[in-house]
Amino acid sequence: MKFKSSSPLVIGTRGSPLALAQAHETMGRLIRSTGLDESCFKIKVIKTTGDKIQDRPLSEVGGKGLFTKEIEEAMLDNNIDIAVHSMKDMPVICPEGLIISCYLPREDVRDSFISTKYKSISELPNGATVGTSSLRRRAQLLNKRPDLKIVEFRGNVQTRLRKLNEGIADATFLACAGLNRLGRNEISNPIETDDMLPAIAQGCIGIEQRKNDIEISKILSVINDKSASLRLAAERSLLLGLDGSCQTPIAGLAELNGQQMRLRGEVIRPDGSEVLQDEITCPVSEGVEMATLMAKRFRSQMGENFF
């Protein structure tokens, strides 16, 4: 392999504590799988537009691609070799010349209810304030509790916890996966997926590379998790079929049981007034096809102005 301390494999990532934890997890797996020394790898932090904009909802300024644009440009310019992403932040179509070729084993997919005062959504008093920047969580919550007041909560895990402690909101939500990766699961109150279906690809780390980089492809193939790959292929096909973005409240989850896949999907009006749900069980080999079918079924029910 060409990578050595003088010309290391460069891993691009955002600079939040969670993004860095994910990059270090990736580097650790690569070190163990290749037998190379840590000096043969380098983590490079790249600030994205999504990190710079903290005063507005992402849905108002461009959606998911705001967290990936600068990183992907760095890879196309050969300034980095791979990029580590939270897959729920990733658009379903990569820029020309780039591919997601590797997924790490998936973490806990559930959302976590976070509050210093209450232990669950049901304990929130009438008219309580909940902070979230997720249109999906906002819509799901308003469907269950239209009495609640929802306020915008942008920022990384630490920023959102600080806002909560400052009393800006009575509660918020964070992904269990992020809390686990940061070692903060002591504050977690997981919500079962039957009660709140997670974002598509939640809990999964994906690794992006240049499509024609054969050496990188070989290196990443060793650490690719097959189960996560199969699940993400179906979930992202559902999202693609719905043209999903940060501007659309969509949830979905694929689960494997032997050679069978259970795929659940949900689309919600932004104000929470209507929820459409669907579920398919099929052979794993048909997961992508069935996800596309589910998206078509949703579209036939939604009409033009559902979102």
C-alpha atoms as a PDB file:
ATOM      1  CA  MET A   1       0.000   0.000   0.000  1.00  0.00           C
ATOM      2  CA  LYS A   2       1.247   3.476  -0.843  1.00  0.00           C
ATOM      3  CA  PHE A   3       0.159   5.101   2.398  1.00  0.00           C
ATOM      4  CA  LYS A   4       2.945   5.918   4.859  1.00  0.00           C
ATOM      5  CA  SER A   5       3.760   8.656   7.346  1.00  0.00           C
ATOM      6  CA  SER A   6       5.137  10.929   4.613  1.00  0.00           C
ATOM      7  CA  SER A   7       1.985  10.562   2.465  1.00  0.00           C
ATOM      8  CA  PRO A   8      -0.789   9.350   4.769  1.00  0.00           C
ATOM      9  CA  LEU A   9      -4.355   8.423   3.903  1.00  0.00           C
ATOM     10  CA  VAL A  10      -6.267  11.632   4.655  1.00  0.00           C
ATOM     11  CA  ILE A  11      -9.691  11.304   6.269  1.00  0.00           C
ATOM     12  CA  GLY A  12     -11.996  14.301   5.830  1.00  0.00           C
ATOM     13  CA  THR A  13     -14.601  15.135   8.448  1.00  0.00           C
ATOM     14  CA  ARG A  14     -16.584  17.917  10.044  1.00  0.00           C
ATOM     15  CA  GLY A  15     -15.146  19.289  13.252  1.00  0.00           C
ATOM     16  CA  SER A  16     -17.836  18.613  15.855  1.00  0.00           C
ATOM     17  CA  PRO A  17     -16.967  16.257  18.728  1.00  0.00           C
ATOM     18  CA  LEU A  18     -19.333  13.641  17.262  1.00  0.00           C
ATOM     19  CA  ALA A  19     -17.897  13.943  13.748  1.00  0.00           C
ATOM     20  CA  LEU A  20     -14.379  13.590  15.145  1.00  0.00           C
ATOM     21  CA  ALA A  21     -15.408  10.543  17.191  1.00  0.00           C
ATOM     22  CA  GLN A  22     -16.745   8.971  13.999  1.00  0.00           C
ATOM     23  CA  ALA A  23     -13.551   9.787  12.102  1.00  0.00           C
ATOM     24  CA  HIS A  24     -11.417   8.264  14.857  1.00  0.00           C
ATOM     25  CA  GLU A  25     -13.605   5.139  14.882  1.00  0.00           C
ATOM     26  CA  THR A  26     -13.053   4.835  11.140  1.00  0.00           C
ATOM     27  CA  MET A  27      -9.303   5.355  11.502  1.00  0.00           C
ATOM     28  CA  GLY A  28      -9.135   2.746  14.257  1.00  0.00           C
ATOM     29  CA  ARG A  29     -10.888   0.163  12.092  1.00  0.00           C
ATOM     30  CA  LEU A  30      -8.563   0.932   9.184  1.00  0.00           C
ATOM     31  CA  ILE A  31      -5.466   0.599  11.376  1.00  0.00           C
ATOM     32  CA  ARG A  32      -6.631  -2.800  12.641  1.00  0.00           C
ATOM     33  CA  SER A  33      -7.663  -4.080   9.202  1.00  0.00           C
ATOM     34  CA  THR A  34      -4.571  -2.911   7.291  1.00  0.00           C
ATOM     35  CA  GLY A  35      -1.905  -3.432   9.943  1.00  0.00           C
ATOM     36  CA  LEU A  36      -0.563   0.035   9.127  1.00  0.00           C
ATOM     37  CA  ASP A  37       0.734   2.365  11.819  1.00  0.00           C
ATOM     38  CA  GLU A  38      -1.372   5.298  13.033  1.00  0.00           C
ATOM     39  CA  SER A  39       1.117   7.648  11.357  1.00  0.00           C
ATOM     40  CA  CYS A  40      -0.123   6.372   7.993  1.00  0.00           C
ATOM     41  CA  PHE A  41      -3.470   8.092   8.582  1.00  0.00           C
ATOM     42  CA  LYS A  42      -4.392  11.732   9.056  1.00  0.00           C
ATOM     43  CA  ILE A  43      -7.706  13.327  10.038  1.00  0.00           C
ATOM     44  CA  LYS A  44      -8.436  16.644   8.358  1.00  0.00           C
ATOM     45  CA  VAL A  45     -11.237  18.870   9.678  1.00  0.00           C
ATOM     46  CA  ILE A  46     -13.269  20.741   7.069  1.00  0.00           C
ATOM     47  CA  LYS A  47     -15.824  23.348   8.087  1.00  0.00           C
ATOM     48  CA  THR A  48     -19.041  23.053   6.098  1.00  0.00           C
ATOM     49  CA  THR A  49     -21.731  25.586   5.303  1.00  0.00           C
ATOM     50  CA  GLY A  50     -24.096  23.686   7.594  1.00  0.00           C
ATOM     51  CA  ASP A  51     -21.695  24.192  10.495  1.00  0.00           C
ATOM     52  CA  LYS A  52     -21.401  27.919   9.795  1.00  0.00           C
ATOM     53  CA  ILE A  53     -25.150  28.621   9.648  1.00  0.00           C
ATOM     54  CA  GLN A  54     -26.592  28.322  13.139  1.00  0.00           C
ATOM     55  CA  ASP A  55     -29.374  30.919  13.150  1.00  0.00           C
ATOM     56  CA  ARG A  56     -31.775  29.386  10.615  1.00  0.00           C
ATOM     57  CA  PRO A  57     -33.366  25.987   9.942  1.00  0.00           C
ATOM     58  CA  LEU A  58     -31.458  24.010   7.313  1.00  0.00           C
ATOM     59  CA  SER A  59     -34.703  23.563   5.380  1.00  0.00           C
ATOM     60  CA  GLU A  60     -34.615  27.311   4.657  1.00  0.00           C
ATOM     61  CA  VAL A  61     -31.070  27.381   3.287  1.00  0.00           C
ATOM     62  CA  GLY A  62     -30.502  24.214   1.312  1.00  0.00           C
ATOM     63  CA  GLY A  63     -30.963  20.983   3.255  1.00  0.00           C
ATOM     64  CA  LYS A  64     -28.656  18.012   3.721  1.00  0.00           C
ATOM     65  CA  GLY A  65     -25.956  18.938   1.205  1.00  0.00           C
ATOM     66  CA  LEU A  66     -24.882  21.826   3.420  1.00  0.00           C
ATOM     67  CA  PHE A  67     -23.032  19.328   5.636  1.00  0.00           C
ATOM     68  CA  THR A  68     -21.170  17.653   2.775  1.00  0.00           C
ATOM     69  CA  LYS A  69     -20.442  20.171  -0.007  1.00  0.00           C
ATOM     70  CA  GLU A  70     -17.032  21.434   1.126  1.00  0.00           C
ATOM     71  CA  ILE A  71     -15.885  17.962   2.159  1.00  0.00           C
ATOM     72  CA  GLU A  72     -16.809  16.494  -1.198  1.00  0.00           C
ATOM     73  CA  GLU A  73     -15.101  19.358  -3.017  1.00  0.00           C
ATOM     74  CA  ALA A  74     -11.922  18.618  -1.036  1.00  0.00           C
ATOM     75  CA  MET A  75     -12.065  15.011  -2.164  1.00  0.00           C
ATOM     76  CA  LEU A  76     -12.649  15.899  -5.800  1.00  0.00           C
ATOM     77  CA  ASP A  77      -9.642  18.233  -5.521  1.00  0.00           C
ATOM     78  CA  ASN A  78      -7.553  15.343  -4.086  1.00  0.00           C
ATOM     79  CA  ASN A  79      -7.037  17.171  -0.775  1.00  0.00           C
ATOM     80  CA  ILE A  80      -8.510  14.226   1.134  1.00  0.00           C
ATOM     81  CA  ASP A  81      -8.751  10.510   0.285  1.00  0.00           C
ATOM     82  CA  ILE A  82     -11.994   9.526   2.035  1.00  0.00           C
ATOM     83  CA  ALA A  83     -14.768  11.313   3.899  1.00  0.00           C
ATOM     84  CA  VAL A  84     -16.617  10.097   6.992  1.00  0.00           C
ATOM     85  CA  HIS A  85     -20.291  11.051   7.202  1.00  0.00           C
ATOM     86  CA  SER A  86     -23.338  10.576   9.404  1.00  0.00           C
ATOM     87  CA  MET A  87     -25.507   8.931   6.790  1.00  0.00           C
ATOM     88  CA  LYS A  88     -28.706  10.640   7.888  1.00  0.00           C
ATOM     89  CA  ASP A  89     -27.050  13.918   6.761  1.00  0.00           C
ATOM     90  CA  MET A  90     -26.215  12.582   3.304  1.00  0.00           C
ATOM     91  CA  PRO A  91     -28.157  13.388   0.127  1.00  0.00           C
ATOM     92  CA  VAL A  92     -29.220  10.222  -1.698  1.00  0.00           C
ATOM     93  CA  ILE A  93     -27.231  11.120  -4.835  1.00  0.00           C
ATOM     94  CA  CYS A  94     -23.476  11.708  -4.642  1.00  0.00           C
ATOM     95  CA  PRO A  95     -21.677  14.234  -6.858  1.00  0.00           C
ATOM     96  CA  GLU A  96     -20.274  12.879 -10.124  1.00  0.00           C
ATOM     97  CA  GLY A  97     -17.114  10.905  -9.453  1.00  0.00           C
ATOM     98  CA  LEU A  98     -17.866  10.066  -5.805  1.00  0.00           C
ATOM     99  CA  ILE A  99     -19.528   7.049  -4.163  1.00  0.00           C
ATOM    100  CA  ILE A 100     -20.443   5.800  -0.696  1.00  0.00           C
ATOM    101  CA  SER A 101     -18.636   2.461  -0.749  1.00  0.00           C
ATOM    102  CA  CYS A 102     -18.466   1.495   2.920  1.00  0.00           C
ATOM    103  CA  TYR A 103     -20.679   1.458   6.003  1.00  0.00           C
ATOM    104  CA  LEU A 104     -19.547   0.795   9.548  1.00  0.00           C
ATOM    105  CA  PRO A 105     -21.657  -1.411  11.849  1.00  0.00           C
ATOM    106  CA  ARG A 106     -24.825   0.463  12.696  1.00  0.00           C
ATOM    107  CA  GLU A 107     -25.335   1.922  16.162  1.00  0.00           C
ATOM    108  CA  ASP A 108     -28.630   2.255  18.075  1.00  0.00           C
ATOM    109  CA  VAL A 109     -31.139   3.694  15.575  1.00  0.00           C
ATOM    110  CA  ARG A 110     -33.516   5.161  18.152  1.00  0.00           C
ATOM    111  CA  ASP A 111     -34.201   8.766  19.069  1.00  0.00           C
ATOM    112  CA  SER A 112     -33.629   9.782  22.663  1.00  0.00           C
ATOM    113  CA  PHE A 113     -35.851  12.092  24.692  1.00  0.00           C
ATOM    114  CA  ILE A 114     -33.656  14.554  26.598  1.00  0.00           C
ATOM    115  CA  SER A 115     -34.881  16.720  29.460  1.00  0.00           C
ATOM    116  CA  THR A 116     -33.706  17.872  32.873  1.00  0.00           C
ATOM    117  CA  LYS A 117     -37.305  17.894  34.115  1.00  0.00           C
ATOM    118  CA  TYR A 118     -39.224  15.059  32.456  1.00  0.00           C
ATOM    119  CA  LYS A 119     -38.576  11.463  31.421  1.00  0.00           C
ATOM    120  CA  SER A 120     -40.822  11.055  28.383  1.00  0.00           C
ATOM    121  CA  ILE A 121     -43.019  12.873  25.869  1.00  0.00           C
ATOM    122  CA  SER A 122     -46.110  11.821  27.813  1.00  0.00           C
ATOM    123  CA  GLU A 123     -44.810  13.576  30.951  1.00  0.00           C
ATOM    124  CA  LEU A 124     -44.534  16.962  29.198  1.00  0.00           C
ATOM    125  CA  PRO A 125     -47.198  19.348  30.526  1.00  0.00           C
ATOM    126  CA  ASN A 126     -49.672  21.014  28.214  1.00  0.00           C
ATOM    127  CA  GLY A 127     -47.965  23.813  26.238  1.00  0.00           C
ATOM    128  CA  ALA A 128     -44.416  22.746  27.093  1.00  0.00           C
ATOM    129  CA  THR A 129     -41.589  23.935  24.818  1.00  0.00           C
ATOM    130  CA  VAL A 130     -39.554  21.411  22.840  1.00  0.00           C
ATOM    131  CA  GLY A 131     -36.432  22.325  20.866  1.00  0.00           C
ATOM    132  CA  THR A 132     -35.535  20.530  17.650  1.00  0.00           C
ATOM    133  CA  SER A 133     -34.065  21.367  14.247  1.00  0.00           C
ATOM    134  CA  SER A 134     -35.479  18.190  12.667  1.00  0.00           C
ATOM    135  CA  LEU A 135     -38.620  18.590  10.565  1.00  0.00           C
ATOM    136  CA  ARG A 136     -39.283  14.873  11.033  1.00  0.00           C
ATOM    137  CA  ARG A 137     -39.173  15.044  14.828  1.00  0.00           C
ATOM    138  CA  ARG A 138     -41.202  18.261  14.794  1.00  0.00           C
ATOM    139  CA  ALA A 139     -43.937  16.715  12.643  1.00  0.00           C
ATOM    140  CA  GLN A 140     -44.010  13.440  14.585  1.00  0.00           C
ATOM    141  CA  LEU A 141     -44.245  15.318  17.864  1.00  0.00           C
ATOM    142  CA  LEU A 142     -47.007  17.649  16.685  1.00  0.00           C
ATOM    143  CA  ASN A 143     -48.963  14.632  15.478  1.00  0.00           C
ATOM    144  CA  LYS A 144     -48.820  13.125  18.976  1.00  0.00           C
ATOM    145  CA  ARG A 145     -48.961  16.370  20.973  1.00  0.00           C
ATOM    146  CA  PRO A 146     -50.349  19.341  18.996  1.00  0.00           C
ATOM    147  CA  ASP A 147     -50.444  21.336  22.245  1.00  0.00           C
ATOM    148  CA  LEU A 148     -46.655  21.582  22.432  1.00  0.00           C
ATOM    149  CA  LYS A 149     -44.626  24.609  21.360  1.00  0.00           C
ATOM    150  CA  ILE A 150     -41.730  23.747  19.039  1.00  0.00           C
ATOM    151  CA  VAL A 151     -38.672  26.028  18.830  1.00  0.00           C
ATOM    152  CA  GLU A 152     -35.614  25.805  16.555  1.00  0.00           C
ATOM    153  CA  PHE A 153     -32.615  24.035  18.158  1.00  0.00           C
ATOM    154  CA  ARG A 154     -29.503  24.060  15.948  1.00  0.00           C
ATOM    155  CA  GLY A 155     -25.988  23.056  16.875  1.00  0.00           C
ATOM    156  CA  ASN A 156     -23.988  19.994  17.872  1.00  0.00           C
ATOM    157  CA  VAL A 157     -24.840  17.752  20.819  1.00  0.00           C
ATOM    158  CA  GLN A 158     -22.995  19.923  23.336  1.00  0.00           C
ATOM    159  CA  THR A 159     -24.658  23.128  22.088  1.00  0.00           C
ATOM    160  CA  ARG A 160     -28.127  21.624  22.302  1.00  0.00           C
ATOM    161  CA  LEU A 161     -27.530  20.330  25.813  1.00  0.00           C
ATOM    162  CA  ARG A 162     -26.314  23.788  26.849  1.00  0.00           C
ATOM    163  CA  LYS A 163     -29.457  25.399  25.419  1.00  0.00           C
ATOM    164  CA  LEU A 164     -31.544  22.887  27.337  1.00  0.00           C
ATOM    165  CA  ASN A 165     -29.746  23.694  30.589  1.00  0.00           C
ATOM    166  CA  GLU A 166     -30.280  27.410  29.914  1.00  0.00           C
ATOM    167  CA  GLY A 167     -34.034  26.805  29.911  1.00  0.00           C
ATOM    168  CA  ILE A 168     -34.638  27.685  26.258  1.00  0.00           C
ATOM    169  CA  ALA A 169     -36.752  24.519  26.052  1.00  0.00           C
ATOM    170  CA  ASP A 170     -38.191  21.914  28.404  1.00  0.00           C
ATOM    171  CA  ALA A 171     -36.974  19.019  26.266  1.00  0.00           C
ATOM    172  CA  THR A 172     -35.194  18.088  23.061  1.00  0.00           C
ATOM    173  CA  PHE A 173     -34.272  14.986  21.083  1.00  0.00           C
ATOM    174  CA  LEU A 174     -30.901  13.530  20.172  1.00  0.00           C
ATOM    175  CA  ALA A 175     -29.959  10.336  18.353  1.00  0.00           C
ATOM    176  CA  CYS A 176     -29.015   7.494  20.705  1.00  0.00           C
ATOM    177  CA  ALA A 177     -26.164   6.647  18.320  1.00  0.00           C
ATOM    178  CA  GLY A 178     -24.494  10.014  18.809  1.00  0.00           C
ATOM    179  CA  LEU A 179     -24.851   9.867  22.580  1.00  0.00           C
ATOM    180  CA  ASN A 180     -23.340   6.373  22.624  1.00  0.00           C
ATOM    181  CA  ARG A 181     -20.401   7.409  20.440  1.00  0.00           C
ATOM    182  CA  LEU A 182     -19.738  10.383  22.716  1.00  0.00           C
ATOM    183  CA  GLY A 183     -20.055   8.296  25.865  1.00  0.00           C
ATOM    184  CA  ARG A 184     -23.071  10.327  26.997  1.00  0.00           C
ATOM    185  CA  ASN A 185     -25.681   7.569  27.158  1.00  0.00           C
ATOM    186  CA  GLU A 186     -26.257   8.301  30.836  1.00  0.00           C
ATOM    187  CA  ILE A 187     -28.604  11.121  29.828  1.00  0.00           C
ATOM    188  CA  SER A 188     -30.463   9.011  27.280  1.00  0.00           C
ATOM    189  CA  ASN A 189     -34.137   8.069  27.425  1.00  0.00           C
ATOM    190  CA  PRO A 190     -34.546   5.972  24.264  1.00  0.00           C
ATOM    191  CA  ILE A 191     -37.844   6.065  22.389  1.00  0.00           C
ATOM    192  CA  GLU A 192     -38.821   2.746  20.822  1.00  0.00           C
ATOM    193  CA  THR A 193     -39.121   2.771  17.046  1.00  0.00           C
ATOM    194  CA  ASP A 194     -42.804   1.792  17.272  1.00  0.00           C
ATOM    195  CA  ASP A 195     -43.392   5.129  19.025  1.00  0.00           C
ATOM    196  CA  MET A 196     -41.056   7.315  16.935  1.00  0.00           C
ATOM    197  CA  LEU A 197     -39.704   5.923  13.677  1.00  0.00           C
ATOM    198  CA  PRO A 198     -36.159   7.276  13.172  1.00  0.00           C
ATOM    199  CA  ALA A 199     -34.683   9.229  10.309  1.00  0.00           C
ATOM    200  CA  ILE A 200     -33.593   7.173   7.347  1.00  0.00           C
ATOM    201  CA  ALA A 201     -30.001   5.954   7.865  1.00  0.00           C
ATOM    202  CA  GLN A 202     -29.929   7.133  11.489  1.00  0.00           C
ATOM    203  CA  GLY A 203     -27.103   5.579  13.501  1.00  0.00           C
ATOM    204  CA  CYS A 204     -24.971   4.692  10.482  1.00  0.00           C
ATOM    205  CA  ILE A 205     -21.529   6.000   9.492  1.00  0.00           C
ATOM    206  CA  GLY A 206     -20.802   5.986   5.769  1.00  0.00           C
ATOM    207  CA  ILE A 207     -17.455   6.440   4.042  1.00  0.00           C
ATOM    208  CA  GLU A 208     -17.272   8.277   0.734  1.00  0.00           C
ATOM    209  CA  GLN A 209     -14.461   7.941  -1.797  1.00  0.00           C
ATOM    210  CA  ARG A 210     -13.494   8.789  -5.354  1.00  0.00           C
ATOM    211  CA  LYS A 211     -15.226   6.292  -7.612  1.00  0.00           C
ATOM    212  CA  ASN A 212     -12.098   5.413  -9.595  1.00  0.00           C
ATOM    213  CA  ASP A 213      -9.749   4.988  -6.618  1.00  0.00           C
ATOM    214  CA  ILE A 214      -9.212   1.221  -6.753  1.00  0.00           C
ATOM    215  CA  GLU A 215      -6.736   1.076  -3.860  1.00  0.00           C
ATOM    216  CA  ILE A 216      -9.099   2.902  -1.517  1.00  0.00           C
ATOM    217  CA  SER A 217     -11.946   0.624  -2.609  1.00  0.00           C
ATOM    218  CA  LYS A 218      -9.901  -2.432  -1.611  1.00  0.00           C
ATOM    219  CA  ILE A 219      -8.989  -0.949   1.769  1.00  0.00           C
ATOM    220  CA  LEU A 220     -12.571   0.028   2.585  1.00  0.00           C
ATOM    221  CA  SER A 221     -14.067  -3.281   1.447  1.00  0.00           C
ATOM    222  CA  VAL A 222     -12.418  -5.014   4.399  1.00  0.00           C
ATOM    223  CA  ILE A 223     -14.225  -2.877   6.999  1.00  0.00           C
ATOM    224  CA  ASN A 224     -17.580  -2.637   5.179  1.00  0.00           C
ATOM    225  CA  ASP A 225     -20.493  -4.015   7.238  1.00  0.00           C
ATOM    226  CA  LYS A 226     -22.775  -6.101   5.014  1.00  0.00           C
ATOM    227  CA  SER A 227     -25.834  -5.804   7.249  1.00  0.00           C
ATOM    228  CA  ALA A 228     -25.617  -2.008   7.331  1.00  0.00           C
ATOM    229  CA  SER A 229     -25.080  -1.931   3.555  1.00  0.00           C
ATOM    230  CA  LEU A 230     -28.231  -3.967   2.884  1.00  0.00           C
ATOM    231  CA  ARG A 231     -30.337  -1.914   5.281  1.00  0.00           C
ATOM    232  CA  LEU A 232     -29.060   1.429   3.998  1.00  0.00           C
ATOM    233  CA  ALA A 233     -29.596   0.427   0.365  1.00  0.00           C
ATOM    234  CA  ALA A 234     -33.300  -0.141   1.059  1.00  0.00           C
ATOM    235  CA  GLU A 235     -33.796   2.921   3.270  1.00  0.00           C
ATOM    236  CA  ARG A 236     -32.038   5.263   0.864  1.00  0.00           C
ATOM    237  CA  SER A 237     -34.031   3.848  -2.052  1.00  0.00           C
ATOM    238  CA  LEU A 238     -37.196   4.761  -0.167  1.00  0.00           C
ATOM    239  CA  LEU A 239     -35.840   8.266   0.372  1.00  0.00           C
ATOM    240  CA  LEU A 240     -34.836   8.570  -3.277  1.00  0.00           C
ATOM    241  CA  GLY A 241     -38.307   7.495  -4.379  1.00  0.00           C
ATOM    242  CA  LEU A 242     -39.828  10.206  -2.192  1.00  0.00           C
ATOM    243  CA  ASP A 243     -37.287  12.854  -3.224  1.00  0.00           C
ATOM    244  CA  GLY A 244     -36.528  13.277   0.464  1.00  0.00           C
ATOM    245  CA  SER A 245     -34.486  16.126   1.905  1.00  0.00           C
ATOM    246  CA  CYS A 246     -34.283  18.183   5.071  1.00  0.00           C
ATOM    247  CA  GLN A 247     -37.402  19.919   3.761  1.00  0.00           C
ATOM    248  CA  THR A 248     -39.558  16.799   4.012  1.00  0.00           C
ATOM    249  CA  PRO A 249     -40.595  14.921   7.193  1.00  0.00           C
ATOM    250  CA  ILE A 250     -39.802  11.305   6.269  1.00  0.00           C
ATOM    251  CA  ALA A 251     -38.900   8.382   8.529  1.00  0.00           C
ATOM    252  CA  GLY A 252     -37.849   4.867   7.644  1.00  0.00           C
ATOM    253  CA  LEU A 253     -36.160   1.797   9.029  1.00  0.00           C
ATOM    254  CA  ALA A 254     -35.037  -1.514   7.522  1.00  0.00           C
ATOM    255  CA  GLU A 255     -34.356  -4.432   9.871  1.00  0.00           C
ATOM    256  CA  LEU A 256     -32.949  -7.859   9.049  1.00  0.00           C
ATOM    257  CA  ASN A 257     -34.064 -11.198  10.421  1.00  0.00           C
ATOM    258  CA  GLY A 258     -32.081 -13.935   8.721  1.00  0.00           C
ATOM    259  CA  GLN A 259     -32.841 -13.668   5.009  1.00  0.00           C
ATOM    260  CA  GLN A 260     -35.921 -11.504   5.575  1.00  0.00           C
ATOM    261  CA  MET A 261     -36.125  -7.712   5.682  1.00  0.00           C
ATOM    262  CA  ARG A 262     -38.772  -5.681   7.448  1.00  0.00           C
ATOM    263  CA  LEU A 263     -39.055  -2.182   6.010  1.00  0.00           C
ATOM    264  CA  ARG A 264     -41.181   0.493   7.668  1.00  0.00           C
ATOM    265  CA  GLY A 265     -41.802   3.938   6.251  1.00  0.00           C
ATOM    266  CA  GLU A 266     -43.603   7.073   7.351  1.00  0.00           C
ATOM    267  CA  VAL A 267     -44.346  10.448   5.810  1.00  0.00           C
ATOM    268  CA  ILE A 268     -45.868  13.258   7.864  1.00  0.00           C
ATOM    269  CA  ARG A 269     -47.342  16.627   7.006  1.00  0.00           C
ATOM    270  CA  PRO A 270     -45.020  19.299   8.447  1.00  0.00           C
ATOM    271  CA  ASP A 271     -47.746  20.479  10.841  1.00  0.00           C
ATOM    272  CA  GLY A 272     -48.309  16.912  12.066  1.00  0.00           C
ATOM    273  CA  SER A 273     -51.931  16.892  10.910  1.00  0.00           C
ATOM    274  CA  GLU A 274     -51.605  13.700   8.851  1.00  0.00           C
ATOM    275  CA  VAL A 275     -49.334  10.670   8.948  1.00  0.00           C
ATOM    276  CA  LEU A 276     -49.044   7.985   6.272  1.00  0.00           C
ATOM    277  CA  GLN A 277     -47.415   4.691   7.264  1.00  0.00           C
ATOM    278  CA  ASP A 278     -46.462   1.553   5.369  1.00  0.00           C
ATOM    279  CA  GLU A 279     -44.656  -1.705   6.077  1.00  0.00           C
ATOM    280  CA  ILE A 280     -43.258  -4.457   3.867  1.00  0.00           C
ATOM    281  CA  THR A 281     -41.594  -7.763   4.740  1.00  0.00           C
ATOM    282  CA  CYS A 282     -39.625  -9.325   1.906  1.00  0.00           C
ATOM    283  CA  PRO A 283     -36.504 -11.354   1.089  1.00  0.00           C
ATOM    284  CA  VAL A 284     -33.352  -9.307   1.714  1.00  0.00           C
ATOM    285  CA  SER A 285     -32.487  -9.530  -1.965  1.00  0.00           C
ATOM    286  CA  GLU A 286     -35.697  -7.633  -2.825  1.00  0.00           C
ATOM    287  CA  GLY A 287     -35.202  -4.821  -0.298  1.00  0.00           C
ATOM    288  CA  VAL A 288     -34.315  -2.061  -2.771  1.00  0.00           C
ATOM    289  CA  GLU A 289     -37.129  -3.062  -5.140  1.00  0.00           C
ATOM    290  CA  MET A 290     -39.694  -3.124  -2.326  1.00  0.00           C
ATOM    291  CA  ALA A 291     -38.480   0.234  -1.000  1.00  0.00           C
ATOM    292  CA  THR A 292     -39.066   1.756  -4.426  1.00  0.00           C
ATOM    293  CA  LEU A 293     -42.536   0.207  -4.461  1.00  0.00           C
ATOM    294  CA  MET A 294     -43.270   1.648  -1.012  1.00  0.00           C
ATOM    295  CA  ALA A 295     -42.258   5.112  -2.207  1.00  0.00           C
ATOM    296  CA  LYS A 296     -44.671   4.801  -5.134  1.00  0.00           C
ATOM    297  CA  ARG A 297     -47.471   3.769  -2.786  1.00  0.00           C
ATOM    298  CA  PHE A 298     -46.798   6.775  -0.590  1.00  0.00           C
ATOM    299  CA  ARG A 299     -46.775   9.100  -3.581  1.00  0.00           C
ATOM    300  CA  SER A 300     -50.144   7.816  -4.737  1.00  0.00           C
ATOM    301  CA  GLN A 301     -51.635   8.664  -1.331  1.00  0.00           C
ATOM    302  CA  MET A 302     -49.887  11.992  -0.760  1.00  0.00           C
ATOM    303  CA  GLY A 303     -50.993  14.100  -3.687  1.00  0.00           C
ATOM    304  CA  GLU A 304     -49.010  17.135  -4.835  1.00  0.00           C
ATOM    305  CA  ASN A 305     -49.063  19.407  -1.771  1.00  0.00           C
ATOM    306  CA  PHE A 306     -48.650  16.924   1.083  1.00  0.00           C
ATOM    307  CA  PHE A 307     -45.367  18.427   2.293  1.00  0.00           C
END
